[in-house]
Amino acid sequence: MIRYAKPTTVDEALALLGEASWRILAGGTDFYPAQGAKPFRENVLDINGLAALRGIAETEDHWVIGARTTWSDLVRHPLPAAFDALKQA
């Protein structure tokens, strides 16, 4: 039986990853088109509910950009000029 899970914490996601094989869904822009009309044959771990993986923060010596941070988040954030090329991408 194929499983679908949408954890709300990173710890919950890591626990799920430790217990079974999962195909990770993050956003879905490429996920669903790549699937096509084929039935799902793998467990799906939807990480879209992991708020801890989204955001931009400056630390004492570097910047942290979360894995779920969107392009819109990047463009809107007041990053230094060194990030201008990233924003234009």
PDB file of N, CA and C in Angstrom:
ATOM      1  N   MET A   1       0.838  -1.176   0.000  1.00  0.00           N
ATOM      2  CA  MET A   1       0.000   0.000   0.000  1.00  0.00           C
ATOM      3  C   MET A   1       0.890   1.250   0.000  1.00  0.00           C
ATOM      4  N   ILE A   2       0.614   2.185  -0.875  1.00  0.00           N
ATOM      5  CA  ILE A   2       1.380   3.419  -0.984  1.00  0.00           C
ATOM      6  C   ILE A   2       0.938   4.372   0.130  1.00  0.00           C
ATOM      7  N   ARG A   3       1.924   5.014   0.758  1.00  0.00           N
ATOM      8  CA  ARG A   3       1.634   5.948   1.848  1.00  0.00           C
ATOM      9  C   ARG A   3       1.900   7.379   1.409  1.00  0.00           C
ATOM     10  N   TYR A   4       1.129   8.297   1.965  1.00  0.00           N
ATOM     11  CA  TYR A   4       1.324   9.732   1.784  1.00  0.00           C
ATOM     12  C   TYR A   4       1.438  10.329   3.176  1.00  0.00           C
ATOM     13  N   ALA A   5       2.473  11.136   3.397  1.00  0.00           N
ATOM     14  CA  ALA A   5       2.640  11.792   4.697  1.00  0.00           C
ATOM     15  C   ALA A   5       3.026  13.246   4.469  1.00  0.00           C
ATOM     16  N   LYS A   6       2.490  14.126   5.321  1.00  0.00           N
ATOM     17  CA  LYS A   6       2.828  15.544   5.271  1.00  0.00           C
ATOM     18  C   LYS A   6       3.176  15.981   6.698  1.00  0.00           C
ATOM     19  N   PRO A   7       4.436  15.743   7.093  1.00  0.00           N
ATOM     20  CA  PRO A   7       4.843  16.091   8.460  1.00  0.00           C
ATOM     21  C   PRO A   7       4.858  17.604   8.661  1.00  0.00           C
ATOM     22  N   THR A   8       4.730  18.004   9.922  1.00  0.00           N
ATOM     23  CA  THR A   8       4.744  19.430  10.249  1.00  0.00           C
ATOM     24  C   THR A   8       6.006  19.841  10.992  1.00  0.00           C
ATOM     25  N   THR A   9       6.846  18.867  11.331  1.00  0.00           N
ATOM     26  CA  THR A   9       8.120  19.173  11.977  1.00  0.00           C
ATOM     27  C   THR A   9       9.236  18.402  11.272  1.00  0.00           C
ATOM     28  N   VAL A  10      10.439  18.941  11.344  1.00  0.00           N
ATOM     29  CA  VAL A  10      11.589  18.271  10.746  1.00  0.00           C
ATOM     30  C   VAL A  10      11.839  16.935  11.444  1.00  0.00           C
ATOM     31  N   ASP A  11      11.675  16.883  12.752  1.00  0.00           N
ATOM     32  CA  ASP A  11      11.865  15.627  13.478  1.00  0.00           C
ATOM     33  C   ASP A  11      10.910  14.546  12.988  1.00  0.00           C
ATOM     34  N   GLU A  12       9.666  14.922  12.748  1.00  0.00           N
ATOM     35  CA  GLU A  12       8.678  13.966  12.239  1.00  0.00           C
ATOM     36  C   GLU A  12       9.086  13.480  10.844  1.00  0.00           C
ATOM     37  N   ALA A  13       9.553  14.389  10.003  1.00  0.00           N
ATOM     38  CA  ALA A  13       9.992  14.015   8.650  1.00  0.00           C
ATOM     39  C   ALA A  13      11.182  13.061   8.710  1.00  0.00           C
ATOM     40  N   LEU A  14      12.146  13.359   9.589  1.00  0.00           N
ATOM     41  CA  LEU A  14      13.315  12.499   9.721  1.00  0.00           C
ATOM     42  C   LEU A  14      12.941  11.111  10.233  1.00  0.00           C
ATOM     43  N   ALA A  15      11.993  11.050  11.148  1.00  0.00           N
ATOM     44  CA  ALA A  15      11.537   9.754  11.657  1.00  0.00           C
ATOM     45  C   ALA A  15      10.908   8.936  10.530  1.00  0.00           C
ATOM     46  N   LEU A  16      10.091   9.585   9.712  1.00  0.00           N
ATOM     47  CA  LEU A  16       9.469   8.892   8.586  1.00  0.00           C
ATOM     48  C   LEU A  16      10.520   8.408   7.591  1.00  0.00           C
ATOM     49  N   LEU A  17      11.512   9.255   7.308  1.00  0.00           N
ATOM     50  CA  LEU A  17      12.572   8.874   6.376  1.00  0.00           C
ATOM     51  C   LEU A  17      13.373   7.685   6.891  1.00  0.00           C
ATOM     52  N   GLY A  18      13.465   7.559   8.196  1.00  0.00           N
ATOM     53  CA  GLY A  18      14.203   6.452   8.782  1.00  0.00           C
ATOM     54  C   GLY A  18      13.467   5.134   8.759  1.00  0.00           C
ATOM     55  N   GLU A  19      12.172   5.167   8.521  1.00  0.00           N
ATOM     56  CA  GLU A  19      11.399   3.925   8.605  1.00  0.00           C
ATOM     57  C   GLU A  19      11.014   3.330   7.261  1.00  0.00           C
ATOM     58  N   ALA A  20      11.114   4.100   6.180  1.00  0.00           N
ATOM     59  CA  ALA A  20      10.696   3.577   4.877  1.00  0.00           C
ATOM     60  C   ALA A  20      11.360   4.362   3.759  1.00  0.00           C
ATOM     61  N   SER A  21      11.163   3.876   2.546  1.00  0.00           N
ATOM     62  CA  SER A  21      11.658   4.579   1.364  1.00  0.00           C
ATOM     63  C   SER A  21      10.572   5.547   0.895  1.00  0.00           C
ATOM     64  N   TRP A  22      10.957   6.804   0.684  1.00  0.00           N
ATOM     65  CA  TRP A  22       9.997   7.836   0.313  1.00  0.00           C
ATOM     66  C   TRP A  22      10.463   8.594  -0.921  1.00  0.00           C
ATOM     67  N   ARG A  23       9.525   9.062  -1.697  1.00  0.00           N
ATOM     68  CA  ARG A  23       9.787  10.022  -2.758  1.00  0.00           C
ATOM     69  C   ARG A  23       9.378  11.376  -2.176  1.00  0.00           C
ATOM     70  N   ILE A  24      10.301  12.327  -2.158  1.00  0.00           N
ATOM     71  CA  ILE A  24      10.038  13.597  -1.485  1.00  0.00           C
ATOM     72  C   ILE A  24       9.359  14.573  -2.434  1.00  0.00           C
ATOM     73  N   LEU A  25       8.260  15.136  -1.964  1.00  0.00           N
ATOM     74  CA  LEU A  25       7.495  16.148  -2.692  1.00  0.00           C
ATOM     75  C   LEU A  25       7.776  17.486  -2.038  1.00  0.00           C
ATOM     76  N   ALA A  26       8.359  18.404  -2.812  1.00  0.00           N
ATOM     77  CA  ALA A  26       8.667  19.746  -2.320  1.00  0.00           C
ATOM     78  C   ALA A  26       8.188  20.740  -3.366  1.00  0.00           C
ATOM     79  N   GLY A  27       7.018  21.262  -3.194  1.00  0.00           N
ATOM     80  CA  GLY A  27       6.451  22.207  -4.159  1.00  0.00           C
ATOM     81  C   GLY A  27       5.510  21.502  -5.110  1.00  0.00           C
ATOM     82  N   GLY A  28       6.049  20.688  -5.982  1.00  0.00           N
ATOM     83  CA  GLY A  28       5.231  19.926  -6.904  1.00  0.00           C
ATOM     84  C   GLY A  28       5.340  20.368  -8.354  1.00  0.00           C
ATOM     85  N   THR A  29       6.089  21.453  -8.619  1.00  0.00           N
ATOM     86  CA  THR A  29       6.209  21.968  -9.984  1.00  0.00           C
ATOM     87  C   THR A  29       6.729  20.903 -10.941  1.00  0.00           C
ATOM     88  N   ASP A  30       7.715  20.135 -10.524  1.00  0.00           N
ATOM     89  CA  ASP A  30       8.272  19.079 -11.366  1.00  0.00           C
ATOM     90  C   ASP A  30       7.750  17.696 -10.985  1.00  0.00           C
ATOM     91  N   PHE A  31       7.284  17.567  -9.782  1.00  0.00           N
ATOM     92  CA  PHE A  31       6.888  16.267  -9.249  1.00  0.00           C
ATOM     93  C   PHE A  31       5.736  15.642 -10.036  1.00  0.00           C
ATOM     94  N   TYR A  32       4.636  16.360 -10.151  1.00  0.00           N
ATOM     95  CA  TYR A  32       3.452  15.808 -10.802  1.00  0.00           C
ATOM     96  C   TYR A  32       3.627  15.651 -12.315  1.00  0.00           C
ATOM     97  N   PRO A  33       4.206  16.635 -13.030  1.00  0.00           N
ATOM     98  CA  PRO A  33       4.417  16.412 -14.466  1.00  0.00           C
ATOM     99  C   PRO A  33       5.320  15.211 -14.746  1.00  0.00           C
ATOM    100  N   ALA A  34       6.330  14.998 -13.925  1.00  0.00           N
ATOM    101  CA  ALA A  34       7.227  13.860 -14.117  1.00  0.00           C
ATOM    102  C   ALA A  34       6.497  12.543 -13.891  1.00  0.00           C
ATOM    103  N   GLN A  35       5.487  12.551 -13.049  1.00  0.00           N
ATOM    104  CA  GLN A  35       4.723  11.349 -12.752  1.00  0.00           C
ATOM    105  C   GLN A  35       3.848  10.958 -13.940  1.00  0.00           C
ATOM    106  N   GLY A  36       3.318  11.984 -14.642  1.00  0.00           N
ATOM    107  CA  GLY A  36       2.440  11.702 -15.777  1.00  0.00           C
ATOM    108  C   GLY A  36       1.192  10.954 -15.347  1.00  0.00           C
ATOM    109  N   ALA A  37       0.731  10.082 -16.183  1.00  0.00           N
ATOM    110  CA  ALA A  37      -0.497   9.326 -15.906  1.00  0.00           C
ATOM    111  C   ALA A  37      -0.214   8.019 -15.172  1.00  0.00           C
ATOM    112  N   LYS A  38       1.055   7.769 -14.885  1.00  0.00           N
ATOM    113  CA  LYS A  38       1.416   6.525 -14.203  1.00  0.00           C
ATOM    114  C   LYS A  38       0.901   6.532 -12.764  1.00  0.00           C
ATOM    115  N   PRO A  39       0.473   5.397 -12.251  1.00  0.00           N
ATOM    116  CA  PRO A  39       0.078   5.352 -10.835  1.00  0.00           C
ATOM    117  C   PRO A  39       1.316   5.481  -9.940  1.00  0.00           C
ATOM    118  N   PHE A  40       1.117   6.030  -8.757  1.00  0.00           N
ATOM    119  CA  PHE A  40       2.216   6.133  -7.809  1.00  0.00           C
ATOM    120  C   PHE A  40       2.616   4.748  -7.347  1.00  0.00           C
ATOM    121  N   ARG A  41       3.920   4.510  -7.320  1.00  0.00           N
ATOM    122  CA  ARG A  41       4.441   3.220  -6.864  1.00  0.00           C
ATOM    123  C   ARG A  41       5.349   3.393  -5.644  1.00  0.00           C
ATOM    124  N   GLU A  42       5.541   4.646  -5.230  1.00  0.00           N
ATOM    125  CA  GLU A  42       6.400   4.932  -4.087  1.00  0.00           C
ATOM    126  C   GLU A  42       5.621   5.713  -3.036  1.00  0.00           C
ATOM    127  N   ASN A  43       6.059   5.588  -1.792  1.00  0.00           N
ATOM    128  CA  ASN A  43       5.512   6.429  -0.734  1.00  0.00           C
ATOM    129  C   ASN A  43       5.866   7.880  -1.036  1.00  0.00           C
ATOM    130  N   VAL A  44       4.971   8.805  -0.703  1.00  0.00           N
ATOM    131  CA  VAL A  44       5.190  10.224  -0.966  1.00  0.00           C
ATOM    132  C   VAL A  44       5.294  10.965   0.360  1.00  0.00           C
ATOM    133  N   LEU A  45       6.426  11.637   0.552  1.00  0.00           N
ATOM    134  CA  LEU A  45       6.659  12.449   1.745  1.00  0.00           C
ATOM    135  C   LEU A  45       6.599  13.914   1.313  1.00  0.00           C
ATOM    136  N   ASP A  46       5.532  14.572   1.667  1.00  0.00           N
ATOM    137  CA  ASP A  46       5.274  15.957   1.288  1.00  0.00           C
ATOM    138  C   ASP A  46       5.882  16.880   2.342  1.00  0.00           C
ATOM    139  N   ILE A  47       6.949  17.610   1.982  1.00  0.00           N
ATOM    140  CA  ILE A  47       7.623  18.474   2.951  1.00  0.00           C
ATOM    141  C   ILE A  47       7.131  19.921   2.883  1.00  0.00           C
ATOM    142  N   ASN A  48       6.049  20.165   2.167  1.00  0.00           N
ATOM    143  CA  ASN A  48       5.521  21.523   2.038  1.00  0.00           C
ATOM    144  C   ASN A  48       5.008  22.099   3.355  1.00  0.00           C
ATOM    145  N   GLY A  49       4.758  21.270   4.337  1.00  0.00           N
ATOM    146  CA  GLY A  49       4.288  21.746   5.627  1.00  0.00           C
ATOM    147  C   GLY A  49       5.406  22.053   6.626  1.00  0.00           C
ATOM    148  N   LEU A  50       6.660  21.945   6.201  1.00  0.00           N
ATOM    149  CA  LEU A  50       7.783  22.156   7.115  1.00  0.00           C
ATOM    150  C   LEU A  50       8.216  23.618   7.093  1.00  0.00           C
ATOM    151  N   ALA A  51       7.571  24.409   7.908  1.00  0.00           N
ATOM    152  CA  ALA A  51       7.861  25.845   7.970  1.00  0.00           C
ATOM    153  C   ALA A  51       9.316  26.120   8.350  1.00  0.00           C
ATOM    154  N   ALA A  52       9.923  25.223   9.098  1.00  0.00           N
ATOM    155  CA  ALA A  52      11.308  25.420   9.538  1.00  0.00           C
ATOM    156  C   ALA A  52      12.299  25.408   8.370  1.00  0.00           C
ATOM    157  N   LEU A  53      11.886  24.896   7.221  1.00  0.00           N
ATOM    158  CA  LEU A  53      12.775  24.836   6.060  1.00  0.00           C
ATOM    159  C   LEU A  53      12.596  26.022   5.116  1.00  0.00           C
ATOM    160  N   ARG A  54      11.780  26.986   5.520  1.00  0.00           N
ATOM    161  CA  ARG A  54      11.541  28.146   4.665  1.00  0.00           C
ATOM    162  C   ARG A  54      11.962  29.418   5.381  1.00  0.00           C
ATOM    163  N   GLY A  55      12.712  30.247   4.684  1.00  0.00           N
ATOM    164  CA  GLY A  55      13.090  31.529   5.244  1.00  0.00           C
ATOM    165  C   GLY A  55      14.535  31.882   4.969  1.00  0.00           C
ATOM    166  N   ILE A  56      14.862  33.125   5.280  1.00  0.00           N
ATOM    167  CA  ILE A  56      16.200  33.660   5.070  1.00  0.00           C
ATOM    168  C   ILE A  56      16.646  34.305   6.371  1.00  0.00           C
ATOM    169  N   ALA A  57      17.845  33.972   6.807  1.00  0.00           N
ATOM    170  CA  ALA A  57      18.356  34.537   8.060  1.00  0.00           C
ATOM    171  C   ALA A  57      19.842  34.834   7.925  1.00  0.00           C
ATOM    172  N   GLU A  58      20.251  35.903   8.568  1.00  0.00           N
ATOM    173  CA  GLU A  58      21.664  36.258   8.612  1.00  0.00           C
ATOM    174  C   GLU A  58      22.213  35.839   9.966  1.00  0.00           C
ATOM    175  N   THR A  59      23.340  35.134   9.921  1.00  0.00           N
ATOM    176  CA  THR A  59      24.026  34.780  11.155  1.00  0.00           C
ATOM    177  C   THR A  59      25.227  35.712  11.301  1.00  0.00           C
ATOM    178  N   GLU A  60      26.043  35.440  12.260  1.00  0.00           N
ATOM    179  CA  GLU A  60      27.210  36.287  12.506  1.00  0.00           C
ATOM    180  C   GLU A  60      28.176  36.314  11.317  1.00  0.00           C
ATOM    181  N   ASP A  61      28.281  35.170  10.612  1.00  0.00           N
ATOM    182  CA  ASP A  61      29.273  35.110   9.534  1.00  0.00           C
ATOM    183  C   ASP A  61      28.771  34.602   8.186  1.00  0.00           C
ATOM    184  N   HIS A  62      27.468  34.346   8.057  1.00  0.00           N
ATOM    185  CA  HIS A  62      26.937  33.903   6.771  1.00  0.00           C
ATOM    186  C   HIS A  62      25.420  34.063   6.712  1.00  0.00           C
ATOM    187  N   TRP A  63      24.853  33.747   5.557  1.00  0.00           N
ATOM    188  CA  TRP A  63      23.410  33.781   5.359  1.00  0.00           C
ATOM    189  C   TRP A  63      22.893  32.355   5.267  1.00  0.00           C
ATOM    190  N   VAL A  64      21.691  32.108   5.765  1.00  0.00           N
ATOM    191  CA  VAL A  64      21.044  30.809   5.674  1.00  0.00           C
ATOM    192  C   VAL A  64      19.771  30.980   4.856  1.00  0.00           C
ATOM    193  N   ILE A  65      19.674  30.216   3.784  1.00  0.00           N
ATOM    194  CA  ILE A  65      18.482  30.229   2.940  1.00  0.00           C
ATOM    195  C   ILE A  65      17.893  28.827   3.008  1.00  0.00           C
ATOM    196  N   GLY A  66      16.700  28.715   3.580  1.00  0.00           N
ATOM    197  CA  GLY A  66      16.059  27.423   3.773  1.00  0.00           C
ATOM    198  C   GLY A  66      15.714  26.731   2.465  1.00  0.00           C
ATOM    199  N   ALA A  67      15.679  25.424   2.497  1.00  0.00           N
ATOM    200  CA  ALA A  67      15.424  24.621   1.302  1.00  0.00           C
ATOM    201  C   ALA A  67      14.062  24.891   0.678  1.00  0.00           C
ATOM    202  N   ARG A  68      13.084  25.303   1.450  1.00  0.00           N
ATOM    203  CA  ARG A  68      11.745  25.579   0.934  1.00  0.00           C
ATOM    204  C   ARG A  68      11.516  27.062   0.661  1.00  0.00           C
ATOM    205  N   THR A  69      12.546  27.872   0.711  1.00  0.00           N
ATOM    206  CA  THR A  69      12.428  29.294   0.441  1.00  0.00           C
ATOM    207  C   THR A  69      12.109  29.492  -1.039  1.00  0.00           C
ATOM    208  N   THR A  70      11.131  30.326  -1.330  1.00  0.00           N
ATOM    209  CA  THR A  70      10.710  30.536  -2.718  1.00  0.00           C
ATOM    210  C   THR A  70      11.521  31.651  -3.367  1.00  0.00           C
ATOM    211  N   TRP A  71      11.443  31.707  -4.696  1.00  0.00           N
ATOM    212  CA  TRP A  71      12.092  32.804  -5.420  1.00  0.00           C
ATOM    213  C   TRP A  71      11.484  34.128  -4.989  1.00  0.00           C
ATOM    214  N   SER A  72      10.188  34.151  -4.775  1.00  0.00           N
ATOM    215  CA  SER A  72       9.532  35.386  -4.321  1.00  0.00           C
ATOM    216  C   SER A  72      10.087  35.827  -2.971  1.00  0.00           C
ATOM    217  N   ASP A  73      10.337  34.885  -2.080  1.00  0.00           N
ATOM    218  CA  ASP A  73      10.928  35.210  -0.783  1.00  0.00           C
ATOM    219  C   ASP A  73      12.298  35.874  -0.980  1.00  0.00           C
ATOM    220  N   LEU A  74      13.102  35.307  -1.880  1.00  0.00           N
ATOM    221  CA  LEU A  74      14.439  35.852  -2.143  1.00  0.00           C
ATOM    222  C   LEU A  74      14.377  37.266  -2.700  1.00  0.00           C
ATOM    223  N   VAL A  75      13.501  37.471  -3.663  1.00  0.00           N
ATOM    224  CA  VAL A  75      13.401  38.780  -4.310  1.00  0.00           C
ATOM    225  C   VAL A  75      12.936  39.843  -3.319  1.00  0.00           C
ATOM    226  N   ARG A  76      12.024  39.492  -2.436  1.00  0.00           N
ATOM    227  CA  ARG A  76      11.466  40.461  -1.487  1.00  0.00           C
ATOM    228  C   ARG A  76      12.371  40.751  -0.296  1.00  0.00           C
ATOM    229  N   HIS A  77      13.289  39.844  -0.007  1.00  0.00           N
ATOM    230  CA  HIS A  77      14.125  39.995   1.194  1.00  0.00           C
ATOM    231  C   HIS A  77      15.227  41.033   0.961  1.00  0.00           C
ATOM    232  N   PRO A  78      15.514  41.860   1.943  1.00  0.00           N
ATOM    233  CA  PRO A  78      16.565  42.876   1.793  1.00  0.00           C
ATOM    234  C   PRO A  78      17.973  42.280   1.922  1.00  0.00           C
ATOM    235  N   LEU A  79      18.360  41.517   0.920  1.00  0.00           N
ATOM    236  CA  LEU A  79      19.688  40.899   0.904  1.00  0.00           C
ATOM    237  C   LEU A  79      20.716  41.911   0.399  1.00  0.00           C
ATOM    238  N   PRO A  80      21.989  41.723   0.757  1.00  0.00           N
ATOM    239  CA  PRO A  80      23.038  42.635   0.270  1.00  0.00           C
ATOM    240  C   PRO A  80      23.254  42.449  -1.239  1.00  0.00           C
ATOM    241  N   ALA A  81      23.966  43.385  -1.832  1.00  0.00           N
ATOM    242  CA  ALA A  81      24.205  43.403  -3.287  1.00  0.00           C
ATOM    243  C   ALA A  81      24.849  42.114  -3.801  1.00  0.00           C
ATOM    244  N   ALA A  82      25.569  41.411  -2.962  1.00  0.00           N
ATOM    245  CA  ALA A  82      26.213  40.159  -3.374  1.00  0.00           C
ATOM    246  C   ALA A  82      25.192  39.115  -3.854  1.00  0.00           C
ATOM    247  N   PHE A  83      23.935  39.301  -3.504  1.00  0.00           N
ATOM    248  CA  PHE A  83      22.889  38.360  -3.890  1.00  0.00           C
ATOM    249  C   PHE A  83      22.091  38.829  -5.114  1.00  0.00           C
ATOM    250  N   ASP A  84      22.480  39.926  -5.733  1.00  0.00           N
ATOM    251  CA  ASP A  84      21.719  40.460  -6.870  1.00  0.00           C
ATOM    252  C   ASP A  84      21.595  39.465  -8.021  1.00  0.00           C
ATOM    253  N   ALA A  85      22.660  38.754  -8.343  1.00  0.00           N
ATOM    254  CA  ALA A  85      22.599  37.776  -9.432  1.00  0.00           C
ATOM    255  C   ALA A  85      21.629  36.646  -9.093  1.00  0.00           C
ATOM    256  N   LEU A  86      21.616  36.224  -7.845  1.00  0.00           N
ATOM    257  CA  LEU A  86      20.684  35.173  -7.423  1.00  0.00           C
ATOM    258  C   LEU A  86      19.253  35.676  -7.576  1.00  0.00           C
ATOM    259  N   LYS A  87      19.000  36.907  -7.176  1.00  0.00           N
ATOM    260  CA  LYS A  87      17.659  37.471  -7.304  1.00  0.00           C
ATOM    261  C   LYS A  87      17.235  37.570  -8.763  1.00  0.00           C
ATOM    262  N   GLN A  88      18.173  37.886  -9.653  1.00  0.00           N
ATOM    263  CA  GLN A  88      17.844  38.007 -11.067  1.00  0.00           C
ATOM    264  C   GLN A  88      17.600  36.660 -11.726  1.00  0.00           C
ATOM    265  N   ALA A  89      18.162  35.595 -11.150  1.00  0.00           N
ATOM    266  CA  ALA A  89      17.957  34.262 -11.723  1.00  0.00           C
ATOM    267  C   ALA A  89      16.495  33.917 -11.648  1.00  0.00           C
TER     268      ALA A  89
END
